[in-house]
Amino acid sequence: MRIVVGITGSSGAVYAKDFLKQCTADIYLIVSKWGKVLLKDELGVSDRDLEPFIKRQFSDDDLTAPMASGTNRFDACVILPCSTSTLGKIASGIGDTLITRTAQVAMKERYKLILCIRETPLSTVTLEHCARLSRDGVIIMPISPPLYHVPKSVDEYVGAFTDKLLGVIGVRTPKGWRSEELE
């Protein structure tokens, strides 16, 4: 699988890093200017520190990158975390960065697009953007980890969301609530 991952400036860098570490697909990374600030502020790392977990990184201002064209297939685009500003641009059809352009390509080509929103509370405008994108087939996936496995650490809490996201993409089947009763 080919997965494009965008990291924007909304809080939640720990989720992005865990996803990159856990995902077994070929990952093509794009980090926005504010995503780089986020990585430094929240994790004390740079985007270069994520290179062991990815196949290749592209600059967010490079609109000539392969994923900016629908002629280059990818299986999914995940924006994690997705700022409400990025969400608004995507909902409005603005593709002025590689992250937003890749989202536009995913929508027009009907590739899986998953926007992981971390912000709360959400304004009415943001909720309307979410509804519009959802109607267009975009998966709106707020960063809200399941707690029914009773995580005992922050890593388990973060990992529960990563597991759910990997299941939505189709990389692995997550353990479900009381799933053992189906056996």
N, C-alpha and C. Protein backbone atom coordinates (compact mmCIF):
# COMPACT_ATOMS: atom_id res chain seq x y z
N MET A 1 0.82 -1.19 0.00
CA MET A 1 0.00 0.00 0.00
C MET A 1 0.87 1.25 0.00
N ARG A 2 0.37 2.28 -0.66
CA ARG A 2 0.99 3.61 -0.63
C ARG A 2 0.08 4.55 0.15
N ILE A 3 0.62 5.13 1.20
CA ILE A 3 -0.16 6.06 2.02
C ILE A 3 0.58 7.39 2.10
N VAL A 4 -0.13 8.45 1.78
CA VAL A 4 0.40 9.79 1.94
C VAL A 4 -0.05 10.29 3.31
N VAL A 5 0.89 10.77 4.11
CA VAL A 5 0.59 11.28 5.44
C VAL A 5 0.97 12.74 5.50
N GLY A 6 0.01 13.58 5.89
CA GLY A 6 0.27 14.99 6.11
C GLY A 6 0.19 15.30 7.59
N ILE A 7 1.16 16.06 8.07
CA ILE A 7 1.16 16.51 9.46
C ILE A 7 0.99 18.02 9.43
N THR A 8 -0.07 18.52 10.07
CA THR A 8 -0.30 19.96 10.12
C THR A 8 -0.11 20.46 11.55
N GLY A 9 -0.41 21.72 11.78
CA GLY A 9 -0.07 22.37 13.04
C GLY A 9 -1.05 22.22 14.18
N SER A 10 -2.01 21.34 14.09
CA SER A 10 -2.93 21.13 15.20
C SER A 10 -2.28 20.18 16.21
N SER A 11 -2.46 20.43 17.47
CA SER A 11 -1.83 19.61 18.51
C SER A 11 -2.15 18.13 18.31
N GLY A 12 -1.16 17.29 18.61
CA GLY A 12 -1.35 15.84 18.49
C GLY A 12 -0.21 15.16 17.76
N ALA A 13 0.99 15.71 17.83
CA ALA A 13 2.14 15.12 17.14
C ALA A 13 2.42 13.69 17.57
N VAL A 14 2.12 13.36 18.82
CA VAL A 14 2.37 12.02 19.32
C VAL A 14 1.58 10.97 18.52
N TYR A 15 0.39 11.34 18.06
CA TYR A 15 -0.42 10.42 17.26
C TYR A 15 0.21 10.19 15.88
N ALA A 16 0.72 11.26 15.29
CA ALA A 16 1.36 11.14 13.98
C ALA A 16 2.59 10.25 14.07
N LYS A 17 3.42 10.48 15.06
CA LYS A 17 4.64 9.68 15.21
C LYS A 17 4.30 8.21 15.44
N ASP A 18 3.33 7.94 16.30
CA ASP A 18 2.95 6.55 16.57
C ASP A 18 2.41 5.88 15.31
N PHE A 19 1.60 6.61 14.55
CA PHE A 19 1.07 6.05 13.30
C PHE A 19 2.21 5.71 12.34
N LEU A 20 3.16 6.63 12.19
CA LEU A 20 4.28 6.37 11.28
C LEU A 20 5.08 5.15 11.72
N LYS A 21 5.25 4.99 13.02
CA LYS A 21 6.00 3.84 13.55
C LYS A 21 5.24 2.53 13.35
N GLN A 22 3.91 2.55 13.47
CA GLN A 22 3.12 1.33 13.44
C GLN A 22 2.70 0.89 12.04
N CYS A 23 2.61 1.81 11.11
CA CYS A 23 2.09 1.50 9.78
C CYS A 23 3.14 0.76 8.95
N THR A 24 2.74 -0.34 8.35
CA THR A 24 3.67 -1.17 7.56
C THR A 24 3.64 -0.83 6.07
N ALA A 25 2.81 0.09 5.67
CA ALA A 25 2.72 0.48 4.25
C ALA A 25 3.86 1.42 3.88
N ASP A 26 4.02 1.67 2.58
CA ASP A 26 4.96 2.68 2.12
C ASP A 26 4.35 4.05 2.42
N ILE A 27 5.05 4.84 3.21
CA ILE A 27 4.53 6.14 3.63
C ILE A 27 5.30 7.26 2.96
N TYR A 28 4.53 8.18 2.38
CA TYR A 28 5.08 9.39 1.76
C TYR A 28 4.63 10.55 2.64
N LEU A 29 5.58 11.22 3.26
CA LEU A 29 5.30 12.21 4.30
C LEU A 29 5.37 13.63 3.77
N ILE A 30 4.41 14.45 4.21
CA ILE A 30 4.41 15.89 3.96
C ILE A 30 4.16 16.55 5.30
N VAL A 31 5.03 17.47 5.69
CA VAL A 31 4.87 18.18 6.95
C VAL A 31 4.76 19.67 6.64
N SER A 32 3.67 20.28 7.10
CA SER A 32 3.49 21.71 6.87
C SER A 32 4.47 22.51 7.73
N LYS A 33 4.57 23.80 7.45
CA LYS A 33 5.43 24.69 8.24
C LYS A 33 5.05 24.62 9.71
N TRP A 34 3.76 24.67 10.00
CA TRP A 34 3.30 24.62 11.39
C TRP A 34 3.38 23.20 11.95
N GLY A 35 3.33 22.20 11.09
CA GLY A 35 3.54 20.82 11.53
C GLY A 35 4.96 20.63 12.05
N LYS A 36 5.93 21.29 11.41
CA LYS A 36 7.32 21.22 11.88
C LYS A 36 7.46 21.86 13.25
N VAL A 37 6.78 22.98 13.45
CA VAL A 37 6.78 23.64 14.77
C VAL A 37 6.16 22.72 15.80
N LEU A 38 5.06 22.08 15.44
CA LEU A 38 4.36 21.16 16.33
C LEU A 38 5.27 20.01 16.77
N LEU A 39 5.97 19.39 15.81
CA LEU A 39 6.87 18.28 16.14
C LEU A 39 7.94 18.73 17.14
N LYS A 40 8.49 19.91 16.91
CA LYS A 40 9.53 20.43 17.81
C LYS A 40 8.95 20.75 19.19
N ASP A 41 7.82 21.45 19.22
CA ASP A 41 7.23 21.87 20.50
C ASP A 41 6.73 20.69 21.33
N GLU A 42 6.05 19.75 20.70
CA GLU A 42 5.42 18.67 21.45
C GLU A 42 6.30 17.44 21.68
N LEU A 43 7.20 17.16 20.72
CA LEU A 43 8.00 15.94 20.83
C LEU A 43 9.51 16.20 20.90
N GLY A 44 9.92 17.44 20.62
CA GLY A 44 11.35 17.74 20.61
C GLY A 44 12.08 17.08 19.46
N VAL A 45 11.36 16.84 18.34
CA VAL A 45 11.98 16.22 17.17
C VAL A 45 11.75 17.09 15.94
N SER A 46 12.50 16.80 14.90
CA SER A 46 12.28 17.47 13.62
C SER A 46 11.65 16.47 12.66
N ASP A 47 11.19 16.97 11.54
CA ASP A 47 10.62 16.06 10.54
C ASP A 47 11.67 15.07 10.06
N ARG A 48 12.92 15.42 10.08
CA ARG A 48 14.01 14.51 9.66
C ARG A 48 14.13 13.32 10.61
N ASP A 49 13.74 13.49 11.87
CA ASP A 49 13.78 12.38 12.82
C ASP A 49 12.75 11.29 12.50
N LEU A 50 11.81 11.61 11.61
CA LEU A 50 10.78 10.64 11.23
C LEU A 50 11.19 9.79 10.02
N GLU A 51 12.34 10.10 9.43
CA GLU A 51 12.78 9.41 8.21
C GLU A 51 12.88 7.89 8.34
N PRO A 52 13.26 7.33 9.50
CA PRO A 52 13.31 5.86 9.58
C PRO A 52 11.95 5.18 9.37
N PHE A 53 10.86 5.92 9.49
CA PHE A 53 9.53 5.33 9.41
C PHE A 53 8.83 5.57 8.08
N ILE A 54 9.50 6.24 7.15
CA ILE A 54 8.85 6.61 5.89
C ILE A 54 9.67 6.16 4.69
N LYS A 55 9.02 6.14 3.53
CA LYS A 55 9.73 5.83 2.30
C LYS A 55 10.38 7.09 1.72
N ARG A 56 9.62 8.21 1.78
CA ARG A 56 10.13 9.47 1.23
C ARG A 56 9.33 10.64 1.78
N GLN A 57 9.99 11.80 1.87
CA GLN A 57 9.32 13.01 2.32
C GLN A 57 9.31 14.03 1.19
N PHE A 58 8.20 14.79 1.12
CA PHE A 58 8.05 15.85 0.13
C PHE A 58 7.77 17.16 0.86
N SER A 59 8.23 18.25 0.29
CA SER A 59 8.00 19.57 0.86
C SER A 59 6.56 20.00 0.61
N ASP A 60 5.97 20.64 1.60
CA ASP A 60 4.58 21.08 1.49
C ASP A 60 4.40 22.16 0.43
N ASP A 61 5.46 22.82 0.03
CA ASP A 61 5.33 23.85 -1.02
C ASP A 61 5.69 23.32 -2.41
N ASP A 62 5.91 22.02 -2.52
CA ASP A 62 6.26 21.41 -3.82
C ASP A 62 5.01 20.87 -4.51
N LEU A 63 4.35 21.73 -5.26
CA LEU A 63 3.14 21.30 -5.98
C LEU A 63 3.46 20.53 -7.26
N THR A 64 4.75 20.21 -7.49
CA THR A 64 5.13 19.35 -8.60
C THR A 64 5.40 17.92 -8.13
N ALA A 65 5.20 17.65 -6.84
CA ALA A 65 5.42 16.30 -6.31
C ALA A 65 4.42 15.33 -6.93
N PRO A 66 4.77 14.06 -7.03
CA PRO A 66 3.92 13.07 -7.72
C PRO A 66 2.48 12.99 -7.23
N MET A 67 2.26 13.15 -5.92
CA MET A 67 0.89 13.01 -5.40
C MET A 67 0.01 14.21 -5.69
N ALA A 68 0.57 15.24 -6.31
CA ALA A 68 -0.23 16.41 -6.70
C ALA A 68 -0.98 16.15 -8.01
N SER A 69 -0.77 14.97 -8.58
CA SER A 69 -1.45 14.61 -9.83
C SER A 69 -2.23 13.31 -9.64
N GLY A 70 -3.41 13.27 -10.17
CA GLY A 70 -4.22 12.06 -10.12
C GLY A 70 -3.68 10.92 -10.96
N THR A 71 -2.64 11.18 -11.75
CA THR A 71 -2.05 10.12 -12.56
C THR A 71 -1.16 9.20 -11.74
N ASN A 72 -0.86 9.58 -10.50
CA ASN A 72 -0.02 8.76 -9.61
C ASN A 72 -0.88 8.24 -8.47
N ARG A 73 -1.21 6.97 -8.54
CA ARG A 73 -2.14 6.36 -7.58
C ARG A 73 -1.51 6.18 -6.21
N PHE A 74 -2.31 6.44 -5.19
CA PHE A 74 -1.97 6.06 -3.82
C PHE A 74 -3.24 5.48 -3.21
N ASP A 75 -3.08 4.74 -2.13
CA ASP A 75 -4.22 4.02 -1.55
C ASP A 75 -4.99 4.85 -0.53
N ALA A 76 -4.31 5.75 0.14
CA ALA A 76 -4.97 6.57 1.14
C ALA A 76 -4.14 7.81 1.41
N CYS A 77 -4.85 8.85 1.82
CA CYS A 77 -4.22 10.07 2.31
C CYS A 77 -4.76 10.30 3.71
N VAL A 78 -3.85 10.41 4.66
CA VAL A 78 -4.21 10.62 6.06
C VAL A 78 -3.58 11.94 6.50
N ILE A 79 -4.39 12.83 7.03
CA ILE A 79 -3.84 14.06 7.59
C ILE A 79 -4.02 13.95 9.10
N LEU A 80 -2.87 13.88 9.78
CA LEU A 80 -2.83 13.54 11.21
C LEU A 80 -1.71 14.30 11.90
N PRO A 81 -2.01 15.24 12.76
CA PRO A 81 -3.32 15.81 13.00
C PRO A 81 -3.70 16.78 11.89
N CYS A 82 -4.98 16.96 11.73
CA CYS A 82 -5.51 17.87 10.71
C CYS A 82 -6.05 19.12 11.40
N SER A 83 -5.43 20.25 11.12
CA SER A 83 -5.90 21.50 11.71
C SER A 83 -7.25 21.87 11.09
N THR A 84 -8.01 22.67 11.81
CA THR A 84 -9.30 23.10 11.27
C THR A 84 -9.08 24.05 10.09
N SER A 85 -7.96 24.72 10.04
CA SER A 85 -7.63 25.56 8.88
C SER A 85 -7.43 24.69 7.64
N THR A 86 -6.70 23.60 7.78
CA THR A 86 -6.49 22.68 6.66
C THR A 86 -7.82 22.07 6.23
N LEU A 87 -8.63 21.66 7.20
CA LEU A 87 -9.95 21.11 6.92
C LEU A 87 -10.78 22.11 6.13
N GLY A 88 -10.77 23.37 6.55
CA GLY A 88 -11.53 24.41 5.86
C GLY A 88 -11.07 24.62 4.43
N LYS A 89 -9.76 24.59 4.22
CA LYS A 89 -9.24 24.73 2.85
C LYS A 89 -9.71 23.57 1.98
N ILE A 90 -9.61 22.36 2.51
CA ILE A 90 -10.02 21.18 1.74
C ILE A 90 -11.51 21.26 1.42
N ALA A 91 -12.32 21.62 2.40
CA ALA A 91 -13.77 21.72 2.19
C ALA A 91 -14.13 22.79 1.17
N SER A 92 -13.28 23.81 1.06
CA SER A 92 -13.53 24.91 0.13
C SER A 92 -12.88 24.72 -1.23
N GLY A 93 -12.21 23.59 -1.43
CA GLY A 93 -11.59 23.31 -2.71
C GLY A 93 -10.27 24.03 -2.93
N ILE A 94 -9.63 24.46 -1.86
CA ILE A 94 -8.36 25.17 -1.98
C ILE A 94 -7.21 24.16 -1.87
N GLY A 95 -6.39 24.12 -2.90
CA GLY A 95 -5.25 23.21 -2.93
C GLY A 95 -3.96 23.98 -3.09
N ASP A 96 -3.68 24.90 -2.18
CA ASP A 96 -2.53 25.79 -2.31
C ASP A 96 -1.24 25.27 -1.68
N THR A 97 -1.30 24.11 -1.03
CA THR A 97 -0.11 23.45 -0.48
C THR A 97 -0.15 22.01 -0.97
N LEU A 98 0.95 21.29 -0.81
CA LEU A 98 0.94 19.89 -1.24
C LEU A 98 -0.04 19.06 -0.41
N ILE A 99 -0.17 19.39 0.87
CA ILE A 99 -1.13 18.64 1.70
C ILE A 99 -2.55 18.86 1.18
N THR A 100 -2.94 20.11 0.97
CA THR A 100 -4.32 20.36 0.52
C THR A 100 -4.53 19.91 -0.92
N ARG A 101 -3.52 20.03 -1.76
CA ARG A 101 -3.64 19.55 -3.14
C ARG A 101 -3.78 18.03 -3.17
N THR A 102 -3.02 17.33 -2.35
CA THR A 102 -3.12 15.87 -2.30
C THR A 102 -4.51 15.45 -1.83
N ALA A 103 -5.07 16.18 -0.89
CA ALA A 103 -6.44 15.91 -0.44
C ALA A 103 -7.41 16.11 -1.59
N GLN A 104 -7.22 17.16 -2.38
CA GLN A 104 -8.08 17.41 -3.55
C GLN A 104 -7.98 16.25 -4.54
N VAL A 105 -6.76 15.77 -4.77
CA VAL A 105 -6.56 14.63 -5.68
C VAL A 105 -7.28 13.40 -5.13
N ALA A 106 -7.12 13.14 -3.83
CA ALA A 106 -7.78 11.97 -3.23
C ALA A 106 -9.30 12.06 -3.43
N MET A 107 -9.86 13.24 -3.26
CA MET A 107 -11.31 13.39 -3.42
C MET A 107 -11.74 13.19 -4.87
N LYS A 108 -11.04 13.81 -5.81
CA LYS A 108 -11.47 13.71 -7.21
C LYS A 108 -11.25 12.32 -7.78
N GLU A 109 -10.23 11.63 -7.31
CA GLU A 109 -9.94 10.28 -7.80
C GLU A 109 -10.65 9.20 -6.98
N ARG A 110 -11.35 9.61 -5.93
CA ARG A 110 -12.09 8.70 -5.04
C ARG A 110 -11.15 7.76 -4.28
N TYR A 111 -9.97 8.29 -3.90
CA TYR A 111 -9.07 7.55 -3.01
C TYR A 111 -9.53 7.81 -1.58
N LYS A 112 -9.15 6.95 -0.69
CA LYS A 112 -9.52 7.12 0.72
C LYS A 112 -8.81 8.35 1.29
N LEU A 113 -9.58 9.25 1.87
CA LEU A 113 -9.05 10.45 2.52
C LEU A 113 -9.57 10.46 3.95
N ILE A 114 -8.64 10.50 4.90
CA ILE A 114 -8.99 10.47 6.32
C ILE A 114 -8.40 11.71 6.99
N LEU A 115 -9.28 12.51 7.57
CA LEU A 115 -8.86 13.72 8.27
C LEU A 115 -9.02 13.49 9.77
N CYS A 116 -7.92 13.50 10.49
CA CYS A 116 -7.92 13.24 11.93
C CYS A 116 -7.88 14.58 12.67
N ILE A 117 -9.04 15.01 13.08
CA ILE A 117 -9.22 16.30 13.74
C ILE A 117 -8.99 16.12 15.23
N ARG A 118 -8.17 16.97 15.83
CA ARG A 118 -7.91 16.85 17.25
C ARG A 118 -8.54 17.99 18.06
N GLU A 119 -8.84 19.07 17.42
CA GLU A 119 -9.32 20.25 18.12
C GLU A 119 -10.69 20.03 18.77
N THR A 120 -10.90 20.68 19.92
CA THR A 120 -12.20 20.66 20.58
C THR A 120 -12.33 21.88 21.46
N PRO A 121 -13.47 22.49 21.59
CA PRO A 121 -14.71 22.19 20.87
C PRO A 121 -14.59 22.64 19.42
N LEU A 122 -15.56 22.21 18.62
CA LEU A 122 -15.59 22.56 17.20
C LEU A 122 -16.64 23.63 16.95
N SER A 123 -16.27 24.60 16.13
CA SER A 123 -17.22 25.66 15.78
C SER A 123 -18.26 25.12 14.81
N THR A 124 -19.33 25.84 14.65
CA THR A 124 -20.37 25.46 13.70
C THR A 124 -19.81 25.42 12.29
N VAL A 125 -18.95 26.36 11.95
CA VAL A 125 -18.33 26.38 10.61
C VAL A 125 -17.53 25.11 10.38
N THR A 126 -16.74 24.71 11.38
CA THR A 126 -15.94 23.48 11.24
C THR A 126 -16.85 22.26 11.13
N LEU A 127 -17.91 22.21 11.91
CA LEU A 127 -18.84 21.08 11.82
C LEU A 127 -19.50 21.03 10.44
N GLU A 128 -19.83 22.19 9.89
CA GLU A 128 -20.40 22.23 8.53
C GLU A 128 -19.39 21.74 7.50
N HIS A 129 -18.12 22.14 7.67
CA HIS A 129 -17.08 21.64 6.77
C HIS A 129 -16.96 20.11 6.88
N CYS A 130 -16.99 19.60 8.11
CA CYS A 130 -16.92 18.15 8.32
C CYS A 130 -18.09 17.45 7.63
N ALA A 131 -19.28 17.99 7.79
CA ALA A 131 -20.47 17.38 7.17
C ALA A 131 -20.35 17.39 5.65
N ARG A 132 -19.92 18.50 5.09
CA ARG A 132 -19.77 18.61 3.63
C ARG A 132 -18.76 17.58 3.12
N LEU A 133 -17.62 17.49 3.78
CA LEU A 133 -16.59 16.53 3.35
C LEU A 133 -17.06 15.09 3.54
N SER A 134 -17.74 14.82 4.64
CA SER A 134 -18.26 13.48 4.89
C SER A 134 -19.24 13.06 3.78
N ARG A 135 -20.10 13.97 3.37
CA ARG A 135 -21.04 13.67 2.27
C ARG A 135 -20.30 13.36 0.97
N ASP A 136 -19.10 13.93 0.83
CA ASP A 136 -18.28 13.69 -0.37
C ASP A 136 -17.41 12.45 -0.24
N GLY A 137 -17.56 11.70 0.85
CA GLY A 137 -16.83 10.44 1.00
C GLY A 137 -15.58 10.51 1.84
N VAL A 138 -15.26 11.68 2.36
CA VAL A 138 -14.09 11.83 3.23
C VAL A 138 -14.42 11.24 4.60
N ILE A 139 -13.47 10.55 5.18
CA ILE A 139 -13.65 10.02 6.53
C ILE A 139 -13.15 11.06 7.52
N ILE A 140 -14.05 11.55 8.34
CA ILE A 140 -13.70 12.50 9.39
C ILE A 140 -13.49 11.66 10.65
N MET A 141 -12.27 11.64 11.14
CA MET A 141 -11.92 10.77 12.25
C MET A 141 -11.32 11.58 13.39
N PRO A 142 -12.17 12.12 14.26
CA PRO A 142 -11.63 12.87 15.39
C PRO A 142 -10.68 12.00 16.21
N ILE A 143 -9.64 12.60 16.72
CA ILE A 143 -8.70 11.84 17.54
C ILE A 143 -9.36 11.61 18.89
N SER A 144 -9.98 10.46 18.98
CA SER A 144 -10.75 10.08 20.16
C SER A 144 -10.52 8.59 20.39
N PRO A 145 -9.45 8.25 21.08
CA PRO A 145 -9.10 6.83 21.26
C PRO A 145 -10.17 6.05 22.02
N PRO A 146 -10.39 4.80 21.64
CA PRO A 146 -11.31 3.95 22.39
C PRO A 146 -10.72 3.63 23.77
N LEU A 147 -11.58 3.58 24.76
CA LEU A 147 -11.11 3.32 26.12
C LEU A 147 -11.55 1.97 26.66
N TYR A 148 -12.30 1.19 25.87
CA TYR A 148 -12.83 -0.07 26.40
C TYR A 148 -11.75 -1.12 26.64
N HIS A 149 -10.54 -0.88 26.16
CA HIS A 149 -9.43 -1.79 26.46
C HIS A 149 -8.69 -1.36 27.73
N VAL A 150 -9.17 -0.29 28.36
CA VAL A 150 -8.64 0.26 29.60
C VAL A 150 -7.12 0.47 29.51
N PRO A 151 -6.71 1.47 28.72
CA PRO A 151 -5.27 1.75 28.60
C PRO A 151 -4.67 2.13 29.95
N LYS A 152 -3.47 1.63 30.20
CA LYS A 152 -2.80 1.87 31.47
C LYS A 152 -1.66 2.88 31.35
N SER A 153 -1.44 3.37 30.14
CA SER A 153 -0.38 4.36 29.93
C SER A 153 -0.78 5.26 28.77
N VAL A 154 -0.07 6.38 28.65
CA VAL A 154 -0.31 7.28 27.53
C VAL A 154 0.00 6.55 26.22
N ASP A 155 1.06 5.76 26.20
CA ASP A 155 1.40 5.02 24.98
C ASP A 155 0.27 4.08 24.55
N GLU A 156 -0.35 3.40 25.51
CA GLU A 156 -1.48 2.52 25.18
C GLU A 156 -2.68 3.33 24.69
N TYR A 157 -2.89 4.49 25.26
CA TYR A 157 -3.98 5.38 24.87
C TYR A 157 -3.78 5.84 23.44
N VAL A 158 -2.57 6.30 23.12
CA VAL A 158 -2.24 6.74 21.76
C VAL A 158 -2.31 5.56 20.80
N GLY A 159 -1.77 4.42 21.22
CA GLY A 159 -1.77 3.23 20.39
C GLY A 159 -3.17 2.73 20.04
N ALA A 160 -4.12 2.95 20.93
CA ALA A 160 -5.50 2.52 20.65
C ALA A 160 -6.06 3.29 19.47
N PHE A 161 -5.75 4.60 19.39
CA PHE A 161 -6.21 5.38 18.24
C PHE A 161 -5.47 4.93 16.97
N THR A 162 -4.17 4.74 17.07
CA THR A 162 -3.40 4.28 15.91
C THR A 162 -3.96 2.97 15.38
N ASP A 163 -4.26 2.05 16.28
CA ASP A 163 -4.81 0.76 15.89
C ASP A 163 -6.13 0.93 15.13
N LYS A 164 -6.98 1.80 15.65
CA LYS A 164 -8.28 2.08 15.00
C LYS A 164 -8.05 2.68 13.61
N LEU A 165 -7.13 3.64 13.49
CA LEU A 165 -6.83 4.26 12.21
C LEU A 165 -6.27 3.25 11.20
N LEU A 166 -5.38 2.39 11.65
CA LEU A 166 -4.83 1.36 10.75
C LEU A 166 -5.94 0.42 10.27
N GLY A 167 -6.93 0.18 11.11
CA GLY A 167 -8.07 -0.63 10.71
C GLY A 167 -8.93 0.06 9.67
N VAL A 168 -9.15 1.36 9.84
CA VAL A 168 -9.95 2.12 8.87
C VAL A 168 -9.26 2.14 7.50
N ILE A 169 -7.94 2.25 7.49
CA ILE A 169 -7.20 2.25 6.23
C ILE A 169 -7.19 0.86 5.60
N GLY A 170 -7.21 -0.17 6.44
CA GLY A 170 -7.18 -1.54 5.94
C GLY A 170 -5.82 -2.20 6.06
N VAL A 171 -4.92 -1.60 6.85
CA VAL A 171 -3.59 -2.16 7.05
C VAL A 171 -3.64 -3.34 8.01
N ARG A 172 -4.50 -3.25 9.02
CA ARG A 172 -4.66 -4.36 9.97
C ARG A 172 -6.07 -4.34 10.53
N THR A 173 -6.46 -5.44 11.13
CA THR A 173 -7.77 -5.53 11.77
C THR A 173 -7.59 -5.30 13.26
N PRO A 174 -8.14 -4.20 13.78
CA PRO A 174 -7.97 -3.92 15.21
C PRO A 174 -8.82 -4.86 16.06
N LYS A 175 -8.38 -5.02 17.29
CA LYS A 175 -9.17 -5.80 18.24
C LYS A 175 -10.41 -4.99 18.61
N GLY A 176 -11.55 -5.58 18.47
CA GLY A 176 -12.80 -4.88 18.77
C GLY A 176 -13.25 -5.11 20.20
N TRP A 177 -14.24 -4.36 20.59
CA TRP A 177 -14.83 -4.50 21.92
C TRP A 177 -15.51 -5.85 22.03
N ARG A 178 -15.11 -6.65 22.97
CA ARG A 178 -15.66 -8.00 23.21
C ARG A 178 -15.57 -8.89 21.98
N SER A 179 -14.57 -8.64 21.12
CA SER A 179 -14.45 -9.39 19.86
C SER A 179 -14.24 -10.89 20.09
N GLU A 180 -13.68 -11.26 21.23
CA GLU A 180 -13.44 -12.68 21.52
C GLU A 180 -14.76 -13.46 21.56
N GLU A 181 -15.88 -12.79 21.80
CA GLU A 181 -17.17 -13.47 21.84
C GLU A 181 -17.66 -13.89 20.47
N LEU A 182 -16.99 -13.39 19.42
CA LEU A 182 -17.36 -13.77 18.05
C LEU A 182 -16.64 -15.06 17.62
N GLU A 183 -15.69 -15.49 18.39
CA GLU A 183 -14.90 -16.68 18.04
C GLU A 183 -15.64 -17.95 18.40
